[in-house]
PDB file of N, CA and C in Angstrom:
ATOM      1  N   UNK A   1      42.441  16.091  22.674  1.00  0.00           N
ATOM      2  CA  UNK A   1      42.625  14.703  23.104  1.00  0.00           C
ATOM      3  C   UNK A   1      41.295  14.041  23.120  1.00  0.00           C
ATOM      4  N   UNK A   2      40.364  14.801  23.598  1.00  0.00           N
ATOM      5  CA  UNK A   2      38.842  14.323  23.707  1.00  0.00           C
ATOM      6  C   UNK A   2      38.402  13.879  22.217  1.00  0.00           C
ATOM      7  N   UNK A   3      38.735  14.629  21.373  1.00  0.00           N
ATOM      8  CA  UNK A   3      38.015  14.364  19.927  1.00  0.00           C
ATOM      9  C   UNK A   3      38.967  13.237  19.294  1.00  0.00           C
ATOM     10  N   UNK A   4      40.225  13.013  19.680  1.00  0.00           N
ATOM     11  CA  UNK A   4      40.940  11.889  19.256  1.00  0.00           C
ATOM     12  C   UNK A   4      40.352  10.675  19.793  1.00  0.00           C
ATOM     13  N   UNK A   5      40.076  10.657  21.057  1.00  0.00           N
ATOM     14  CA  UNK A   5      39.541   9.368  21.673  1.00  0.00           C
ATOM     15  C   UNK A   5      38.092   9.039  21.062  1.00  0.00           C
ATOM     16  N   UNK A   6      37.358  10.107  20.807  1.00  0.00           N
ATOM     17  CA  UNK A   6      36.081   9.845  20.329  1.00  0.00           C
ATOM     18  C   UNK A   6      36.225   9.249  18.840  1.00  0.00           C
ATOM     19  N   UNK A   7      37.141   9.777  18.018  1.00  0.00           N
ATOM     20  CA  UNK A   7      37.410   9.411  16.663  1.00  0.00           C
ATOM     21  C   UNK A   7      37.763   7.858  16.666  1.00  0.00           C
ATOM     22  N   UNK A   8      38.728   7.527  17.638  1.00  0.00           N
ATOM     23  CA  UNK A   8      39.281   6.167  17.635  1.00  0.00           C
ATOM     24  C   UNK A   8      38.084   5.264  18.057  1.00  0.00           C
ATOM     25  N   UNK A   9      37.252   5.609  19.056  1.00  0.00           N
ATOM     26  CA  UNK A   9      35.992   4.829  19.337  1.00  0.00           C
ATOM     27  C   UNK A   9      35.179   4.535  18.171  1.00  0.00           C
ATOM     28  N   UNK A  10      34.810   5.717  17.436  1.00  0.00           N
ATOM     29  CA  UNK A  10      33.819   5.532  16.322  1.00  0.00           C
ATOM     30  C   UNK A  10      34.458   4.741  15.306  1.00  0.00           C
ATOM     31  N   UNK A  11      35.726   4.899  15.041  1.00  0.00           N
ATOM     32  CA  UNK A  11      36.473   4.061  13.935  1.00  0.00           C
ATOM     33  C   UNK A  11      36.298   2.544  14.390  1.00  0.00           C
ATOM     34  N   UNK A  12      36.610   2.369  15.691  1.00  0.00           N
ATOM     35  CA  UNK A  12      36.602   0.967  16.033  1.00  0.00           C
ATOM     36  C   UNK A  12      35.229   0.284  16.009  1.00  0.00           C
ATOM     37  N   UNK A  13      34.282   1.038  16.459  1.00  0.00           N
ATOM     38  CA  UNK A  13      32.790   0.377  16.333  1.00  0.00           C
ATOM     39  C   UNK A  13      32.398   0.276  14.941  1.00  0.00           C
ATOM     40  N   UNK A  14      32.782   1.239  14.112  1.00  0.00           N
ATOM     41  CA  UNK A  14      32.498   1.087  12.579  1.00  0.00           C
ATOM     42  C   UNK A  14      33.161  -0.155  12.022  1.00  0.00           C
ATOM     43  N   UNK A  15      34.452  -0.365  12.504  1.00  0.00           N
ATOM     44  CA  UNK A  15      35.245  -1.541  11.953  1.00  0.00           C
ATOM     45  C   UNK A  15      34.633  -2.799  12.422  1.00  0.00           C
ATOM     46  N   UNK A  16      34.201  -2.835  13.597  1.00  0.00           N
ATOM     47  CA  UNK A  16      33.486  -4.001  14.167  1.00  0.00           C
ATOM     48  C   UNK A  16      32.206  -4.327  13.465  1.00  0.00           C
ATOM     49  N   UNK A  17      31.422  -3.201  13.300  1.00  0.00           N
ATOM     50  CA  UNK A  17      30.102  -3.571  12.487  1.00  0.00           C
ATOM     51  C   UNK A  17      30.402  -3.814  11.120  1.00  0.00           C
ATOM     52  N   UNK A  18      31.305  -3.336  10.567  1.00  0.00           N
ATOM     53  CA  UNK A  18      31.528  -3.761   9.034  1.00  0.00           C
ATOM     54  C   UNK A  18      32.074  -5.276   9.051  1.00  0.00           C
ATOM     55  N   UNK A  19      32.785  -5.613  10.033  1.00  0.00           N
ATOM     56  CA  UNK A  19      33.314  -6.988  10.125  1.00  0.00           C
ATOM     57  C   UNK A  19      32.146  -7.912  10.282  1.00  0.00           C
ATOM     58  N   UNK A  20      31.149  -7.560  11.051  1.00  0.00           N
ATOM     59  CA  UNK A  20      29.887  -8.470  11.232  1.00  0.00           C
ATOM     60  C   UNK A  20      29.168  -8.450   9.982  1.00  0.00           C
ATOM     61  N   UNK A  21      29.042  -7.347   9.407  1.00  0.00           N
ATOM     62  CA  UNK A  21      28.363  -7.294   8.043  1.00  0.00           C
ATOM     63  C   UNK A  21      29.008  -8.245   6.924  1.00  0.00           C
ATOM     64  N   UNK A  22      30.366  -8.405   6.952  1.00  0.00           N
ATOM     65  CA  UNK A  22      30.965  -9.221   6.025  1.00  0.00           C
ATOM     66  C   UNK A  22      31.230 -10.681   6.382  1.00  0.00           C
ATOM     67  N   UNK A  23      30.748 -10.902   7.674  1.00  0.00           N
ATOM     68  CA  UNK A  23      30.994 -12.319   8.129  1.00  0.00           C
ATOM     69  C   UNK A  23      30.576 -13.428   7.355  1.00  0.00           C
ATOM     70  N   UNK A  24      29.333 -13.286   6.667  1.00  0.00           N
ATOM     71  CA  UNK A  24      28.874 -14.472   5.996  1.00  0.00           C
ATOM     72  C   UNK A  24      29.514 -14.575   4.409  1.00  0.00           C
ATOM     73  N   UNK A  25      30.088 -13.499   3.945  1.00  0.00           N
ATOM     74  CA  UNK A  25      30.759 -13.693   2.719  1.00  0.00           C
ATOM     75  C   UNK A  25      32.234 -13.884   2.713  1.00  0.00           C
ATOM     76  N   UNK A  26      32.947 -13.109   3.561  1.00  0.00           N
ATOM     77  CA  UNK A  26      34.422 -13.309   3.571  1.00  0.00           C
ATOM     78  C   UNK A  26      34.813 -13.521   5.036  1.00  0.00           C
ATOM     79  N   UNK A  27      34.895 -14.639   5.461  1.00  0.00           N
ATOM     80  CA  UNK A  27      35.102 -14.832   6.904  1.00  0.00           C
ATOM     81  C   UNK A  27      36.478 -14.425   7.496  1.00  0.00           C
ATOM     82  N   UNK A  28      37.571 -14.529   6.737  1.00  0.00           N
ATOM     83  CA  UNK A  28      38.861 -14.079   7.041  1.00  0.00           C
ATOM     84  C   UNK A  28      38.980 -12.677   7.254  1.00  0.00           C
ATOM     85  N   UNK A  29      38.483 -12.009   6.155  1.00  0.00           N
ATOM     86  CA  UNK A  29      38.444 -10.511   6.176  1.00  0.00           C
ATOM     87  C   UNK A  29      37.578  -9.900   7.319  1.00  0.00           C
ATOM     88  N   UNK A  30      36.561 -10.590   7.526  1.00  0.00           N
ATOM     89  CA  UNK A  30      35.641 -10.091   8.637  1.00  0.00           C
ATOM     90  C   UNK A  30      36.247 -10.199   9.955  1.00  0.00           C
ATOM     91  N   UNK A  31      36.981 -11.309  10.265  1.00  0.00           N
ATOM     92  CA  UNK A  31      37.689 -11.361  11.435  1.00  0.00           C
ATOM     93  C   UNK A  31      38.735 -10.432  11.705  1.00  0.00           C
ATOM     94  N   UNK A  32      39.484 -10.021  10.560  1.00  0.00           N
ATOM     95  CA  UNK A  32      40.465  -8.925  10.741  1.00  0.00           C
ATOM     96  C   UNK A  32      39.927  -7.583  11.152  1.00  0.00           C
ATOM     97  N   UNK A  33      38.729  -7.191  10.564  1.00  0.00           N
ATOM     98  CA  UNK A  33      38.007  -6.058  11.041  1.00  0.00           C
ATOM     99  C   UNK A  33      37.472  -6.099  12.314  1.00  0.00           C
ATOM    100  N   UNK A  34      36.917  -7.200  12.754  1.00  0.00           N
ATOM    101  CA  UNK A  34      36.421  -7.247  14.174  1.00  0.00           C
ATOM    102  C   UNK A  34      37.605  -7.214  15.037  1.00  0.00           C
ATOM    103  N   UNK A  35      38.760  -7.915  14.776  1.00  0.00           N
ATOM    104  CA  UNK A  35      39.813  -7.813  15.642  1.00  0.00           C
ATOM    105  C   UNK A  35      40.507  -6.462  15.684  1.00  0.00           C
ATOM    106  N   UNK A  36      40.569  -5.818  14.593  1.00  0.00           N
ATOM    107  CA  UNK A  36      41.288  -4.512  14.527  1.00  0.00           C
ATOM    108  C   UNK A  36      40.258  -3.468  15.325  1.00  0.00           C
ATOM    109  N   UNK A  37      39.036  -3.659  15.267  1.00  0.00           N
ATOM    110  CA  UNK A  37      38.087  -2.736  16.045  1.00  0.00           C
ATOM    111  C   UNK A  37      38.306  -2.984  17.489  1.00  0.00           C
ATOM    112  N   UNK A  38      38.553  -4.186  17.896  1.00  0.00           N
ATOM    113  CA  UNK A  38      38.536  -4.604  19.240  1.00  0.00           C
ATOM    114  C   UNK A  38      39.902  -4.048  19.799  1.00  0.00           C
ATOM    115  N   UNK A  39      40.921  -4.287  19.118  1.00  0.00           N
ATOM    116  CA  UNK A  39      42.291  -3.675  19.454  1.00  0.00           C
ATOM    117  C   UNK A  39      42.271  -2.184  19.596  1.00  0.00           C
ATOM    118  N   UNK A  40      41.491  -1.580  18.703  1.00  0.00           N
ATOM    119  CA  UNK A  40      41.371  -0.082  18.823  1.00  0.00           C
ATOM    120  C   UNK A  40      40.770   0.301  19.956  1.00  0.00           C
ATOM    121  N   UNK A  41      39.711  -0.195  20.318  1.00  0.00           N
ATOM    122  CA  UNK A  41      38.934  -0.017  21.706  1.00  0.00           C
ATOM    123  C   UNK A  41      39.723  -0.162  22.937  1.00  0.00           C
ATOM    124  N   UNK A  42      40.262  -1.316  22.995  1.00  0.00           N
ATOM    125  CA  UNK A  42      40.776  -1.741  24.349  1.00  0.00           C
ATOM    126  C   UNK A  42      42.332  -1.486  24.446  1.00  0.00           C
ATOM    127  N   UNK A  43      43.102  -1.399  23.389  1.00  0.00           N
ATOM    128  CA  UNK A  43      44.454  -1.058  23.484  1.00  0.00           C
ATOM    129  C   UNK A  43      44.817   0.437  23.034  1.00  0.00           C
ATOM    130  N   UNK A  44      43.941   1.232  22.479  1.00  0.00           N
ATOM    131  CA  UNK A  44      44.194   2.560  22.235  1.00  0.00           C
ATOM    132  C   UNK A  44      43.228   3.460  22.949  1.00  0.00           C
ATOM    133  N   UNK A  45      41.911   3.191  22.713  1.00  0.00           N
ATOM    134  CA  UNK A  45      40.887   4.227  23.296  1.00  0.00           C
ATOM    135  C   UNK A  45      40.860   4.111  24.838  1.00  0.00           C
ATOM    136  N   UNK A  46      40.830   2.971  25.307  1.00  0.00           N
ATOM    137  CA  UNK A  46      40.577   2.888  26.810  1.00  0.00           C
ATOM    138  C   UNK A  46      41.896   3.410  27.573  1.00  0.00           C
ATOM    139  N   UNK A  47      43.087   2.983  27.283  1.00  0.00           N
ATOM    140  CA  UNK A  47      44.088   3.705  27.932  1.00  0.00           C
ATOM    141  C   UNK A  47      44.210   5.209  27.907  1.00  0.00           C
ATOM    142  N   UNK A  48      43.935   5.784  26.616  1.00  0.00           N
ATOM    143  CA  UNK A  48      43.897   7.173  26.502  1.00  0.00           C
ATOM    144  C   UNK A  48      42.999   7.832  27.258  1.00  0.00           C
ATOM    145  N   UNK A  49      41.672   7.303  27.375  1.00  0.00           N
ATOM    146  CA  UNK A  49      40.567   7.819  28.182  1.00  0.00           C
ATOM    147  C   UNK A  49      40.979   7.669  29.637  1.00  0.00           C
ATOM    148  N   UNK A  50      41.425   6.718  30.098  1.00  0.00           N
ATOM    149  CA  UNK A  50      41.824   6.624  31.503  1.00  0.00           C
ATOM    150  C   UNK A  50      43.038   7.487  31.833  1.00  0.00           C
ATOM    151  N   UNK A  51      43.943   7.632  30.901  1.00  0.00           N
ATOM    152  CA  UNK A  51      45.048   8.734  31.213  1.00  0.00           C
ATOM    153  C   UNK A  51      44.464  10.153  31.307  1.00  0.00           C
ATOM    154  N   UNK A  52      43.589  10.366  30.563  1.00  0.00           N
ATOM    155  CA  UNK A  52      43.003  11.813  30.439  1.00  0.00           C
ATOM    156  C   UNK A  52      42.112  12.021  31.600  1.00  0.00           C
ATOM    157  N   UNK A  53      41.307  11.060  32.011  1.00  0.00           N
ATOM    158  CA  UNK A  53      40.424  11.270  33.218  1.00  0.00           C
ATOM    159  C   UNK A  53      41.082  11.275  34.515  1.00  0.00           C
ATOM    160  N   UNK A  54      42.342  10.537  34.652  1.00  0.00           N
ATOM    161  CA  UNK A  54      42.880  10.428  35.954  1.00  0.00           C
ATOM    162  C   UNK A  54      44.019  11.365  36.239  1.00  0.00           C
ATOM    163  N   UNK A  55      44.182  12.427  35.231  1.00  0.00           N
ATOM    164  CA  UNK A  55      45.235  13.341  35.409  1.00  0.00           C
ATOM    165  C   UNK A  55      44.863  14.319  36.584  1.00  0.00           C
ATOM    166  N   UNK A  56      45.815  14.482  37.584  1.00  0.00           N
ATOM    167  CA  UNK A  56      45.553  15.399  38.689  1.00  0.00           C
ATOM    168  C   UNK A  56      44.873  14.850  39.804  1.00  0.00           C
ATOM    169  N   UNK A  57      44.580  13.528  39.751  1.00  0.00           N
ATOM    170  CA  UNK A  57      43.940  12.848  40.914  1.00  0.00           C
ATOM    171  C   UNK A  57      44.838  12.114  41.817  1.00  0.00           C
ATOM    172  N   UNK A  58      44.709  12.136  42.970  1.00  0.00           N
ATOM    173  CA  UNK A  58      45.534  11.310  43.982  1.00  0.00           C
ATOM    174  C   UNK A  58      45.019   9.936  44.134  1.00  0.00           C
ATOM    175  N   UNK A  59      45.954   8.984  43.907  1.00  0.00           N
ATOM    176  CA  UNK A  59      45.481   7.535  43.937  1.00  0.00           C
ATOM    177  C   UNK A  59      45.115   7.059  45.253  1.00  0.00           C
ATOM    178  N   UNK A  60      45.569   7.649  46.301  1.00  0.00           N
ATOM    179  CA  UNK A  60      45.396   7.145  47.671  1.00  0.00           C
ATOM    180  C   UNK A  60      44.015   7.498  48.005  1.00  0.00           C
ATOM    181  N   UNK A  61      43.301   8.472  47.384  1.00  0.00           N
ATOM    182  CA  UNK A  61      41.927   8.632  47.746  1.00  0.00           C
ATOM    183  C   UNK A  61      41.016   7.530  47.155  1.00  0.00           C
ATOM    184  N   UNK A  62      41.514   6.741  46.346  1.00  0.00           N
ATOM    185  CA  UNK A  62      40.649   5.712  45.735  1.00  0.00           C
ATOM    186  C   UNK A  62      41.014   4.287  46.386  1.00  0.00           C
ATOM    187  N   UNK A  63      42.030   4.263  47.176  1.00  0.00           N
ATOM    188  CA  UNK A  63      42.393   2.910  47.715  1.00  0.00           C
ATOM    189  C   UNK A  63      41.505   2.552  48.797  1.00  0.00           C
ATOM    190  N   UNK A  64      41.274   1.205  48.982  1.00  0.00           N
ATOM    191  CA  UNK A  64      40.351   0.805  50.135  1.00  0.00           C
ATOM    192  C   UNK A  64      41.182   0.509  51.460  1.00  0.00           C
ATOM    193  N   UNK A  65      41.702   1.507  51.934  1.00  0.00           N
ATOM    194  CA  UNK A  65      42.336   1.504  53.235  1.00  0.00           C
ATOM    195  C   UNK A  65      41.269   1.643  54.348  1.00  0.00           C
ATOM    196  N   UNK A  66      41.660   1.129  55.499  1.00  0.00           N
ATOM    197  CA  UNK A  66      40.773   1.212  56.614  1.00  0.00           C
ATOM    198  C   UNK A  66      40.262   2.606  56.891  1.00  0.00           C
ATOM    199  N   UNK A  67      40.965   3.622  56.800  1.00  0.00           N
ATOM    200  CA  UNK A  67      40.696   4.965  57.038  1.00  0.00           C
ATOM    201  C   UNK A  67      39.624   5.454  55.992  1.00  0.00           C
ATOM    202  N   UNK A  68      39.807   4.999  54.694  1.00  0.00           N
ATOM    203  CA  UNK A  68      38.872   5.456  53.675  1.00  0.00           C
ATOM    204  C   UNK A  68      37.535   4.713  53.767  1.00  0.00           C
ATOM    205  N   UNK A  69      37.568   3.544  54.233  1.00  0.00           N
ATOM    206  CA  UNK A  69      36.341   2.675  54.418  1.00  0.00           C
ATOM    207  C   UNK A  69      35.474   3.390  55.593  1.00  0.00           C
ATOM    208  N   UNK A  70      36.189   3.737  56.627  1.00  0.00           N
ATOM    209  CA  UNK A  70      35.350   4.476  57.647  1.00  0.00           C
ATOM    210  C   UNK A  70      34.941   5.702  57.272  1.00  0.00           C
ATOM    211  N   UNK A  71      35.618   6.490  56.466  1.00  0.00           N
ATOM    212  CA  UNK A  71      35.019   7.832  55.933  1.00  0.00           C
ATOM    213  C   UNK A  71      33.866   7.546  55.124  1.00  0.00           C
ATOM    214  N   UNK A  72      33.812   6.427  54.252  1.00  0.00           N
ATOM    215  CA  UNK A  72      32.668   6.084  53.357  1.00  0.00           C
ATOM    216  C   UNK A  72      31.371   5.760  54.302  1.00  0.00           C
ATOM    217  N   UNK A  73      31.836   5.067  55.446  1.00  0.00           N
ATOM    218  CA  UNK A  73      30.647   4.561  56.239  1.00  0.00           C
ATOM    219  C   UNK A  73      30.275   5.646  57.249  1.00  0.00           C
ATOM    220  N   UNK A  74      30.945   6.751  57.328  1.00  0.00           N
ATOM    221  CA  UNK A  74      30.524   7.870  58.217  1.00  0.00           C
ATOM    222  C   UNK A  74      30.839   7.636  59.667  1.00  0.00           C
ATOM    223  N   UNK A  75      31.816   6.766  60.117  1.00  0.00           N
ATOM    224  CA  UNK A  75      32.248   6.373  61.166  1.00  0.00           C
ATOM    225  C   UNK A  75      33.456   7.229  61.526  1.00  0.00           C
ATOM    226  N   UNK A  76      33.521   7.669  62.897  1.00  0.00           N
ATOM    227  CA  UNK A  76      34.889   8.464  63.207  1.00  0.00           C
ATOM    228  C   UNK A  76      36.112   7.656  63.074  1.00  0.00           C
ATOM    229  N   UNK A  77      37.233   8.398  62.765  1.00  0.00           N
ATOM    230  CA  UNK A  77      38.534   7.655  62.784  1.00  0.00           C
ATOM    231  C   UNK A  77      38.880   6.929  63.955  1.00  0.00           C
ATOM    232  N   UNK A  78      39.395   5.673  63.837  1.00  0.00           N
ATOM    233  CA  UNK A  78      39.756   4.874  64.915  1.00  0.00           C
ATOM    234  C   UNK A  78      41.073   5.540  65.644  1.00  0.00           C
ATOM    235  N   UNK A  79      41.027   5.662  66.913  1.00  0.00           N
ATOM    236  CA  UNK A  79      42.213   6.152  67.685  1.00  0.00           C
ATOM    237  C   UNK A  79      43.081   4.966  68.081  1.00  0.00           C
ATOM    238  N   UNK A  80      44.402   5.220  67.903  1.00  0.00           N
ATOM    239  CA  UNK A  80      45.219   4.142  68.311  1.00  0.00           C
ATOM    240  C   UNK A  80      45.926   4.577  69.740  1.00  0.00           C
ATOM    241  N   UNK A  81      46.644   3.494  70.291  1.00  0.00           N
ATOM    242  CA  UNK A  81      47.071   3.634  71.666  1.00  0.00           C
ATOM    243  C   UNK A  81      48.143   4.724  71.790  1.00  0.00           C
ATOM    244  N   UNK A  82      48.886   5.097  70.779  1.00  0.00           N
ATOM    245  CA  UNK A  82      49.907   6.045  70.987  1.00  0.00           C
ATOM    246  C   UNK A  82      49.566   7.472  70.797  1.00  0.00           C
ATOM    247  N   UNK A  83      48.262   7.767  70.767  1.00  0.00           N
ATOM    248  CA  UNK A  83      47.815   9.128  70.492  1.00  0.00           C
ATOM    249  C   UNK A  83      47.402   9.816  71.868  1.00  0.00           C
TER     250      UNK A  83
END
């Protein structure tokens, strides 16, 4: 999976670079290469990367709840009246 994502990113960056090199000669073709590279980065590589990196992690650890903010600040947990 790691190598597939790297291949998509390299192909997208190459496509964008090639599109910018064509920009003065064939504008319509250049825009297609630039757009295709952008789509590859943001609609293929980014979601695959995020899926791969977030596997096995708990989403609640990353939410900004009052309890998590207190943990980050190093303050003790707030006691409620019913405890």
